[in-house]
Amino acid sequence: MLRVLPQILAFTLVASLAAGAAYAAQPVEWLERMSHGHRELSYQGIVTHQIEDQLASYRIVHQVMDGREFERLTPLDSEGSELVRKGHSVNCVHPAERLLRGVSQKGDFARYYDLRLEEGARVAGRDVVTLHIEPRDVFRLGYVISLDAQTAIPLKTETVDQRDQVLERFQFMLFELGVAGELNQDDAREVAHHNVVTDQEGKPVHPGLSWNPGWVPEGFMLADTADVQSEALSYTDGISMFSVFMESANGVSPPSTAVAMRSGATVSYTYPIPDRDLVATVIGEVPLLTAEQVAKSLVVPQ
């Protein structure tokens, strides 16, 4: 036992130094670690998803095998079927992650968000670093993300409005690294992911559409899609994302007034285009003000 004690003390010291170095990292570095950690590591646990007074819980098993992700999400509050995702490569770059790296490298990210770190909290029995992402304008929502101090996997994420009211919360109640056994790949479903983000600053008109927004918040870039015939446009600033849809009323009188709805962090704003048989809808994790101004700015040629 006396021989082991120095080794334990040495390990404790190294772990403490490593934790101190982790906390000293910059907020953007934690964001970049987060964008990889939750997709490159195997883990399992119990998670809750809360919108207002509605709370749902799930058992999650996330496994990386041969460089590909497999995930099973099983509802614990109902008899709903399991949701199993299969196999997009962990090297696949999601739109927000790709933009995040590009924006942070250019040093422009701080133009739209204030980032700060907070130490000392615990989630699901694990030490976390809390990352506060606070918008610098009224056109974005804020986020409070508790990252596992060891892996940077988000153990709790809160989306907040301009008054710091929580709109939506995702939180691990139990979290364990590693997975015992392997997921049944026969029951898995493949999730398609595309490297869809292209830097289209200065190119606001989508070549496949006859309409486009006349205004989007500064910092949002067009996320092009593989289907150029799709009657939709998506924009992201690397954190937040919204989509714009244009539909024909199909001979039915469109609503005479706009209709706004919110579910958690997601807002939907439907706007009848004046003097046209068209209806526009903006959906995304943005304030209602943003969705409204984007919808009302749409330019539709006569």
Protein backbone atom coordinates (compact mmCIF):
# COMPACT_ATOMS: atom_id res chain seq x y z
CA MET A 1 0.00 0.00 0.00
CA LEU A 2 2.88 2.36 0.83
CA ARG A 3 4.38 1.70 -2.62
CA VAL A 4 1.09 2.52 -4.32
CA LEU A 5 0.50 5.76 -2.42
CA PRO A 6 3.16 7.83 -4.28
CA GLN A 7 1.71 6.63 -7.59
CA ILE A 8 -1.77 7.70 -6.51
CA LEU A 9 -0.47 11.08 -5.40
CA ALA A 10 1.42 11.51 -8.67
CA PHE A 11 -1.66 10.59 -10.69
CA THR A 12 -3.79 13.01 -8.68
CA LEU A 13 -1.31 15.81 -9.32
CA VAL A 14 -1.20 15.11 -13.06
CA ALA A 15 -5.00 14.97 -13.21
CA SER A 16 -5.26 18.26 -11.34
CA LEU A 17 -2.79 19.93 -13.69
CA ALA A 18 -4.65 18.55 -16.71
CA ALA A 19 -7.95 19.85 -15.36
CA GLY A 20 -6.39 23.25 -14.72
CA ALA A 21 -5.06 23.35 -18.28
CA ALA A 22 -8.50 22.40 -19.59
CA TYR A 23 -10.19 25.20 -17.68
CA ALA A 24 -7.56 27.62 -19.01
CA ALA A 25 -8.54 26.88 -22.61
CA GLN A 26 -10.30 29.59 -24.57
CA PRO A 27 -14.11 29.44 -25.03
CA VAL A 28 -13.81 28.95 -28.80
CA GLU A 29 -11.49 26.00 -28.22
CA TRP A 30 -14.15 24.39 -26.03
CA LEU A 31 -16.71 24.94 -28.81
CA GLU A 32 -14.45 23.23 -31.32
CA ARG A 33 -13.78 20.34 -28.93
CA MET A 34 -17.52 19.98 -28.37
CA SER A 35 -18.22 19.77 -32.11
CA HIS A 36 -16.07 16.62 -32.26
CA GLY A 37 -16.29 15.03 -28.81
CA HIS A 38 -19.95 14.02 -28.85
CA ARG A 39 -19.53 12.35 -32.27
CA GLU A 40 -16.16 10.66 -31.85
CA LEU A 41 -16.61 8.93 -28.48
CA SER A 42 -18.82 6.07 -27.31
CA TYR A 43 -21.07 6.75 -24.34
CA GLN A 44 -24.44 5.92 -22.81
CA GLY A 45 -26.81 7.36 -20.27
CA ILE A 46 -30.20 8.79 -19.39
CA VAL A 47 -31.15 12.17 -20.84
CA THR A 48 -34.10 14.49 -20.33
CA HIS A 49 -35.57 16.99 -22.75
CA GLN A 50 -37.65 19.81 -21.30
CA ILE A 51 -39.84 22.39 -23.04
CA GLU A 52 -41.71 24.60 -20.56
CA ASP A 53 -43.47 22.16 -18.20
CA GLN A 54 -43.19 19.19 -20.57
CA LEU A 55 -40.44 16.74 -19.66
CA ALA A 56 -39.45 13.60 -21.55
CA SER A 57 -36.69 11.15 -20.67
CA TYR A 58 -34.72 8.76 -22.88
CA ARG A 59 -32.04 6.11 -22.65
CA ILE A 60 -29.27 6.90 -25.12
CA VAL A 61 -26.53 4.61 -26.38
CA HIS A 62 -24.00 6.21 -28.70
CA GLN A 63 -21.29 4.04 -30.21
CA VAL A 64 -18.48 4.72 -32.68
CA MET A 65 -17.36 1.68 -34.65
CA ASP A 66 -14.89 1.74 -37.53
CA GLY A 67 -15.09 5.52 -37.67
CA ARG A 68 -18.88 5.62 -37.97
CA GLU A 69 -21.61 6.56 -35.48
CA PHE A 70 -24.43 4.38 -34.26
CA GLU A 71 -27.05 5.63 -31.84
CA ARG A 72 -30.16 4.30 -30.14
CA LEU A 73 -32.60 6.62 -28.35
CA THR A 74 -35.26 4.80 -26.33
CA PRO A 75 -38.15 6.75 -24.75
CA LEU A 76 -38.66 5.93 -21.08
CA ASP A 77 -41.95 7.76 -20.52
CA SER A 78 -44.02 6.05 -23.22
CA GLU A 79 -44.29 2.93 -25.32
CA GLY A 80 -42.92 4.65 -28.38
CA SER A 81 -40.53 2.72 -30.60
CA GLU A 82 -36.78 3.08 -30.41
CA LEU A 83 -35.06 5.57 -32.66
CA VAL A 84 -31.84 4.20 -34.11
CA ARG A 85 -29.44 6.21 -36.23
CA LYS A 86 -26.80 4.56 -38.34
CA GLY A 87 -23.50 5.36 -39.56
CA HIS A 88 -22.63 8.80 -40.94
CA SER A 89 -18.87 9.15 -40.76
CA VAL A 90 -17.43 10.94 -37.74
CA ASN A 91 -15.42 12.94 -40.26
CA CYS A 92 -18.64 14.39 -41.70
CA VAL A 93 -18.66 18.12 -41.10
CA HIS A 94 -22.03 19.54 -40.07
CA PRO A 95 -22.87 23.05 -41.30
CA ALA A 96 -22.60 24.80 -37.96
CA GLU A 97 -19.33 23.06 -37.10
CA ARG A 98 -17.69 23.97 -40.40
CA LEU A 99 -18.80 27.57 -40.15
CA LEU A 100 -17.74 27.71 -36.51
CA ARG A 101 -14.17 26.77 -37.38
CA GLY A 102 -14.07 29.20 -40.27
CA VAL A 103 -15.50 32.09 -38.27
CA SER A 104 -13.26 31.47 -35.27
CA GLN A 105 -10.18 31.31 -37.46
CA LYS A 106 -11.07 34.66 -39.01
CA GLY A 107 -11.62 36.12 -35.56
CA ASP A 108 -15.14 37.29 -36.47
CA PHE A 109 -17.08 35.09 -34.07
CA ALA A 110 -16.91 37.61 -31.25
CA ARG A 111 -18.71 40.14 -33.44
CA TYR A 112 -21.96 38.26 -32.88
CA TYR A 113 -21.55 36.45 -29.54
CA ASP A 114 -19.85 37.01 -26.22
CA LEU A 115 -18.28 33.81 -24.90
CA ARG A 116 -17.26 33.16 -21.31
CA LEU A 117 -16.41 30.14 -19.18
CA GLU A 118 -17.56 29.26 -15.69
CA GLU A 119 -16.06 26.56 -13.49
CA GLY A 120 -17.07 24.58 -10.45
CA ALA A 121 -20.37 22.93 -11.46
CA ARG A 122 -21.28 19.26 -11.82
CA VAL A 123 -23.81 17.51 -14.05
CA ALA A 124 -24.67 13.80 -13.87
CA GLY A 125 -21.96 13.37 -11.24
CA ARG A 126 -19.20 14.74 -13.49
CA ASP A 127 -17.19 17.95 -13.41
CA VAL A 128 -18.23 20.36 -16.14
CA VAL A 129 -17.07 23.61 -17.69
CA THR A 130 -20.06 25.89 -18.33
CA LEU A 131 -19.86 27.84 -21.56
CA HIS A 132 -22.07 30.93 -21.83
CA ILE A 133 -22.84 32.00 -25.41
CA GLU A 134 -24.49 35.42 -25.25
CA PRO A 135 -25.68 37.22 -28.41
CA ARG A 136 -24.52 40.75 -29.06
CA ASP A 137 -27.78 41.71 -30.80
CA VAL A 138 -31.50 40.98 -30.58
CA PHE A 139 -31.55 38.66 -33.60
CA ARG A 140 -30.05 35.60 -31.91
CA LEU A 141 -30.78 33.36 -28.95
CA GLY A 142 -28.31 32.57 -26.18
CA TYR A 143 -26.98 29.25 -24.97
CA VAL A 144 -25.63 27.88 -21.70
CA ILE A 145 -23.73 24.64 -22.32
CA SER A 146 -22.25 22.48 -19.58
CA LEU A 147 -19.37 20.54 -21.14
CA ASP A 148 -17.85 17.45 -19.59
CA ALA A 149 -14.45 18.60 -18.34
CA GLN A 150 -12.80 15.43 -19.65
CA THR A 151 -14.40 14.93 -23.07
CA ALA A 152 -16.16 18.25 -23.90
CA ILE A 153 -19.36 16.29 -24.52
CA PRO A 154 -22.32 18.58 -23.72
CA LEU A 155 -24.03 17.18 -20.61
CA LYS A 156 -26.53 20.02 -20.33
CA THR A 157 -27.65 22.57 -22.90
CA GLU A 158 -30.05 25.43 -22.23
CA THR A 159 -31.37 27.75 -24.92
CA VAL A 160 -32.31 31.12 -23.47
CA ASP A 161 -34.07 34.20 -24.76
CA GLN A 162 -33.15 37.87 -24.38
CA ARG A 163 -34.48 37.85 -20.80
CA ASP A 164 -32.39 34.78 -19.89
CA GLN A 165 -35.51 32.66 -19.65
CA VAL A 166 -34.86 29.01 -20.52
CA LEU A 167 -36.78 28.01 -23.64
CA GLU A 168 -35.49 24.47 -23.93
CA ARG A 169 -33.24 22.22 -21.86
CA PHE A 170 -31.40 19.01 -22.67
CA GLN A 171 -29.64 17.30 -19.75
CA PHE A 172 -27.93 14.03 -18.90
CA MET A 173 -29.12 12.59 -15.59
CA LEU A 174 -26.75 9.61 -15.92
CA PHE A 175 -23.65 9.57 -18.13
CA GLU A 176 -21.06 6.84 -18.68
CA LEU A 177 -18.18 6.72 -21.12
CA GLY A 178 -17.97 3.58 -23.20
CA VAL A 179 -20.62 1.09 -24.26
CA ALA A 180 -20.88 -2.56 -23.23
CA GLY A 181 -21.34 -4.74 -26.33
CA GLU A 182 -22.36 -3.49 -29.74
CA LEU A 183 -25.55 -1.99 -31.05
CA ASN A 184 -27.61 -4.17 -33.38
CA GLN A 185 -26.69 -2.75 -36.78
CA ASP A 186 -29.46 -4.71 -38.50
CA ASP A 187 -32.04 -2.43 -36.88
CA ALA A 188 -30.10 0.76 -37.58
CA ARG A 189 -31.14 3.45 -40.01
CA GLU A 190 -28.61 5.52 -41.87
CA VAL A 191 -28.74 9.27 -41.43
CA ALA A 192 -27.70 11.30 -44.47
CA HIS A 193 -25.43 14.24 -43.85
CA HIS A 194 -24.05 16.59 -46.45
CA ASN A 195 -21.20 19.07 -46.39
CA VAL A 196 -23.67 21.72 -47.42
CA VAL A 197 -22.15 24.97 -46.22
CA THR A 198 -20.59 27.24 -48.79
CA ASP A 199 -19.41 30.75 -48.11
CA GLN A 200 -21.84 32.78 -50.22
CA GLU A 201 -21.32 36.22 -48.78
CA GLY A 202 -22.24 38.70 -51.49
CA LYS A 203 -24.42 36.10 -53.28
CA PRO A 204 -27.83 36.52 -51.64
CA VAL A 205 -29.82 35.21 -54.63
CA HIS A 206 -30.09 31.44 -54.83
CA PRO A 207 -29.66 30.41 -58.51
CA GLY A 208 -32.48 27.86 -58.39
CA LEU A 209 -35.15 30.15 -56.89
CA SER A 210 -37.11 33.14 -58.14
CA TRP A 211 -37.29 34.73 -54.68
CA ASN A 212 -34.88 35.52 -51.88
CA PRO A 213 -34.80 37.36 -48.54
CA GLY A 214 -34.00 41.02 -48.79
CA TRP A 215 -32.55 40.90 -45.28
CA VAL A 216 -30.93 38.40 -42.93
CA PRO A 217 -29.05 39.24 -39.71
CA GLU A 218 -25.41 40.10 -40.20
CA GLY A 219 -23.19 37.05 -39.84
CA PHE A 220 -25.69 34.52 -41.20
CA MET A 221 -24.47 32.71 -44.31
CA LEU A 222 -26.43 30.76 -46.88
CA ALA A 223 -26.20 27.01 -46.41
CA ASP A 224 -26.62 25.65 -49.91
CA THR A 225 -28.38 22.31 -50.35
CA ALA A 226 -27.70 19.44 -52.72
CA ASP A 227 -31.22 19.81 -54.14
CA VAL A 228 -31.15 23.11 -56.01
CA GLN A 229 -34.82 22.68 -56.90
CA SER A 230 -35.87 22.76 -53.27
CA GLU A 231 -38.11 25.71 -52.50
CA ALA A 232 -36.22 26.49 -49.32
CA LEU A 233 -33.18 28.38 -48.13
CA SER A 234 -31.25 27.76 -44.91
CA TYR A 235 -28.97 30.20 -43.11
CA THR A 236 -26.57 29.72 -40.21
CA ASP A 237 -24.08 31.80 -38.26
CA GLY A 238 -22.31 28.73 -36.91
CA ILE A 239 -24.50 28.45 -33.83
CA SER A 240 -28.06 29.34 -34.82
CA MET A 241 -29.89 28.25 -37.97
CA PHE A 242 -33.16 29.06 -39.70
CA SER A 243 -34.87 28.04 -42.93
CA VAL A 244 -37.14 29.97 -45.28
CA PHE A 245 -39.89 28.20 -47.24
CA MET A 246 -42.13 29.52 -50.00
CA GLU A 247 -45.38 27.73 -50.85
CA SER A 248 -48.25 28.32 -53.21
CA ALA A 249 -51.69 28.75 -51.70
CA ASN A 250 -52.93 26.27 -54.33
CA GLY A 251 -56.07 28.22 -55.09
CA VAL A 252 -57.04 28.47 -51.43
CA SER A 253 -57.12 31.95 -49.98
CA PRO A 254 -53.94 32.39 -47.91
CA PRO A 255 -54.29 33.59 -44.31
CA SER A 256 -54.99 37.30 -44.14
CA THR A 257 -52.58 37.82 -41.25
CA ALA A 258 -49.29 36.35 -40.15
CA VAL A 259 -49.25 33.36 -37.80
CA ALA A 260 -46.48 32.91 -35.22
CA MET A 261 -45.84 29.80 -33.11
CA ARG A 262 -43.07 28.70 -30.77
CA SER A 263 -42.18 25.31 -29.34
CA GLY A 264 -39.23 25.55 -27.02
CA ALA A 265 -36.37 27.21 -28.86
CA THR A 266 -37.96 26.71 -32.29
CA VAL A 267 -40.09 29.47 -33.77
CA SER A 268 -42.32 29.36 -36.84
CA TYR A 269 -43.55 32.50 -38.57
CA THR A 270 -45.94 32.20 -41.53
CA TYR A 271 -46.49 35.29 -43.66
CA PRO A 272 -48.85 35.76 -46.64
CA ILE A 273 -47.04 37.61 -49.42
CA PRO A 274 -49.09 40.75 -50.20
CA ASP A 275 -51.00 40.58 -53.50
CA ARG A 276 -49.54 37.19 -54.33
CA ASP A 277 -50.90 33.65 -54.11
CA LEU A 278 -47.90 32.71 -51.96
CA VAL A 279 -47.18 32.01 -48.32
CA ALA A 280 -43.72 32.24 -46.75
CA THR A 281 -42.67 30.46 -43.59
CA VAL A 282 -39.51 30.97 -41.53
CA ILE A 283 -38.60 28.22 -39.07
CA GLY A 284 -35.58 28.04 -36.81
CA GLU A 285 -33.93 28.59 -33.45
CA VAL A 286 -34.05 32.37 -33.55
CA PRO A 287 -36.11 35.07 -31.84
CA LEU A 288 -39.55 35.77 -33.27
CA LEU A 289 -38.31 39.23 -34.29
CA THR A 290 -35.73 37.64 -36.60
CA ALA A 291 -38.20 35.27 -38.24
CA GLU A 292 -40.69 38.10 -38.76
CA GLN A 293 -38.21 40.49 -40.33
CA VAL A 294 -36.79 37.82 -42.65
CA ALA A 295 -40.27 36.81 -43.81
CA LYS A 296 -41.38 40.39 -44.44
CA SER A 297 -38.19 41.14 -46.38
CA LEU A 298 -38.77 38.45 -49.01
CA VAL A 299 -38.45 39.73 -52.55
CA VAL A 300 -40.69 37.97 -55.07
CA PRO A 301 -40.38 39.16 -58.70
CA GLN A 302 -43.63 40.02 -60.46
